[in-house]
Amino acid sequence: QVQLKESGGGLVQPGGSLRLSCVLSGTSVSIYAMGWYRQAPGKQRESVASITNTGSTNYADSVKGRFTISRDNAKKTVYLQIESLKPEDTAVYYCNTALGGWQYWGQGTQVTVSS
């Protein structure tokens, strides 16, 4: 059973940083495209960063220069490094991948930016 599990969220002050992790399990696939999304209260889920199976990355304009997506294929883990956090970054962050025609989502990890 394919599963994604996020971790690394928490409460952080404005200007702080976090590193989110997303671990893939239940499949022999080790190289895959992955996206990070977030959903703030009362708002639609939005894409913030993605990485292809060849390592190309893409970012939402609102996070460019502050978010960095990376991967460790051996660990089947994709990371999202977040710098200079702002209160508007507060949201539940989810990772997503598509394998064999199916979409998979993790359960999400809460990021709260507040002083």
Protein backbone atom coordinates (compact mmCIF):
# COMPACT_ATOMS: atom_id res chain seq x y z
CA GLN A 1 0.00 0.00 0.00
CA VAL A 2 1.53 3.25 -1.15
CA GLN A 3 1.71 5.85 1.58
CA LEU A 4 3.13 9.33 1.98
CA LYS A 5 3.95 10.68 5.40
CA GLU A 6 4.85 14.28 6.12
CA SER A 7 6.69 15.53 9.17
CA GLY A 8 8.58 18.56 10.36
CA GLY A 9 5.82 21.08 10.90
CA GLY A 10 5.41 23.13 14.02
CA LEU A 11 5.06 26.56 15.56
CA VAL A 12 7.72 29.02 14.50
CA GLN A 13 8.22 32.75 14.83
CA PRO A 14 8.17 35.02 11.80
CA GLY A 15 11.53 34.94 10.09
CA GLY A 16 12.23 31.42 11.26
CA SER A 17 12.78 28.31 9.21
CA LEU A 18 11.56 24.74 8.99
CA ARG A 19 12.36 21.65 6.99
CA LEU A 20 9.44 19.47 6.05
CA SER A 21 9.93 15.86 5.02
CA CYS A 22 7.76 13.52 2.99
CA VAL A 23 8.56 9.82 3.01
CA LEU A 24 7.20 7.43 0.41
CA SER A 25 6.55 3.81 1.40
CA GLY A 26 4.79 0.75 0.03
CA THR A 27 6.38 0.84 -3.42
CA SER A 28 9.66 -0.14 -5.03
CA VAL A 29 9.67 3.12 -6.98
CA SER A 30 12.43 5.39 -5.76
CA ILE A 31 12.47 8.11 -8.40
CA TYR A 32 9.23 9.98 -8.87
CA ALA A 33 7.79 13.43 -9.24
CA MET A 34 6.52 15.07 -6.07
CA GLY A 35 4.64 18.19 -5.18
CA TRP A 36 4.19 20.14 -1.98
CA TYR A 37 0.85 21.86 -1.43
CA ARG A 38 -0.61 23.88 1.39
CA GLN A 39 -4.06 24.75 2.58
CA ALA A 40 -4.74 27.64 4.89
CA PRO A 41 -8.00 27.90 6.87
CA GLY A 42 -10.85 28.95 4.60
CA LYS A 43 -8.70 28.79 1.48
CA GLN A 44 -8.22 26.36 -1.36
CA ARG A 45 -5.29 24.01 -1.46
CA GLU A 46 -2.48 25.50 -3.52
CA SER A 47 0.71 24.18 -5.03
CA VAL A 48 3.88 25.68 -3.59
CA ALA A 49 6.70 23.57 -5.02
CA SER A 50 7.32 20.56 -7.19
CA ILE A 51 10.20 18.40 -8.33
CA THR A 52 10.23 16.11 -11.35
CA ASN A 53 11.74 12.65 -11.51
CA THR A 54 14.76 14.22 -13.21
CA GLY A 55 15.18 16.84 -10.50
CA SER A 56 13.73 19.91 -12.17
CA THR A 57 11.99 22.18 -9.70
CA ASN A 58 9.19 24.70 -9.85
CA TYR A 59 7.86 27.15 -7.26
CA ALA A 60 4.83 29.33 -6.74
CA ASP A 61 5.67 33.01 -7.10
CA SER A 62 4.69 33.62 -3.49
CA VAL A 63 7.43 31.34 -2.18
CA LYS A 64 10.25 31.77 -4.68
CA GLY A 65 13.53 32.52 -2.97
CA ARG A 66 12.28 31.23 0.40
CA PHE A 67 11.26 27.62 -0.30
CA THR A 68 13.56 24.92 -1.61
CA ILE A 69 12.41 21.47 -2.64
CA SER A 70 14.93 18.64 -2.78
CA ARG A 71 15.02 14.87 -2.70
CA ASP A 72 16.98 11.90 -1.44
CA ASN A 73 16.10 8.99 -3.71
CA ALA A 74 17.84 6.44 -1.51
CA LYS A 75 15.64 7.45 1.42
CA LYS A 76 12.54 7.93 -0.77
CA THR A 77 12.20 11.31 0.87
CA VAL A 78 11.42 14.73 -0.52
CA TYR A 79 12.15 17.80 1.55
CA LEU A 80 10.79 21.31 1.64
CA GLN A 81 13.14 23.80 3.25
CA ILE A 82 11.29 26.93 4.25
CA GLU A 83 13.15 30.11 5.16
CA SER A 84 12.02 33.57 6.28
CA LEU A 85 8.65 32.28 7.35
CA LYS A 86 5.75 34.70 7.28
CA PRO A 87 2.39 34.54 9.08
CA GLU A 88 0.74 34.00 5.70
CA ASP A 89 2.69 30.74 5.35
CA THR A 90 0.52 29.30 8.11
CA ALA A 91 -1.23 26.26 6.65
CA VAL A 92 -1.36 22.50 6.57
CA TYR A 93 1.32 21.31 4.17
CA TYR A 94 0.73 18.19 2.10
CA CYS A 95 2.88 16.18 -0.26
CA ASN A 96 1.48 14.53 -3.36
CA THR A 97 2.66 12.11 -5.99
CA ALA A 98 1.17 10.13 -8.85
CA LEU A 99 2.17 6.51 -9.37
CA GLY A 100 0.63 4.07 -11.79
CA GLY A 101 -2.14 6.50 -12.62
CA TRP A 102 -3.14 7.01 -9.00
CA GLN A 103 -2.80 10.17 -6.93
CA TYR A 104 -1.48 9.85 -3.41
CA TRP A 105 -1.59 12.42 -0.61
CA GLY A 106 -0.08 12.47 2.81
CA GLN A 107 -2.05 13.36 5.92
CA GLY A 108 -0.46 16.80 6.16
CA THR A 109 1.74 18.60 8.66
CA GLN A 110 0.72 21.85 10.33
CA VAL A 111 2.93 24.90 10.01
CA THR A 112 2.01 27.85 12.18
CA VAL A 113 3.92 31.11 11.98
CA SER A 114 3.20 33.38 14.90
CA SER A 115 4.98 35.51 17.46
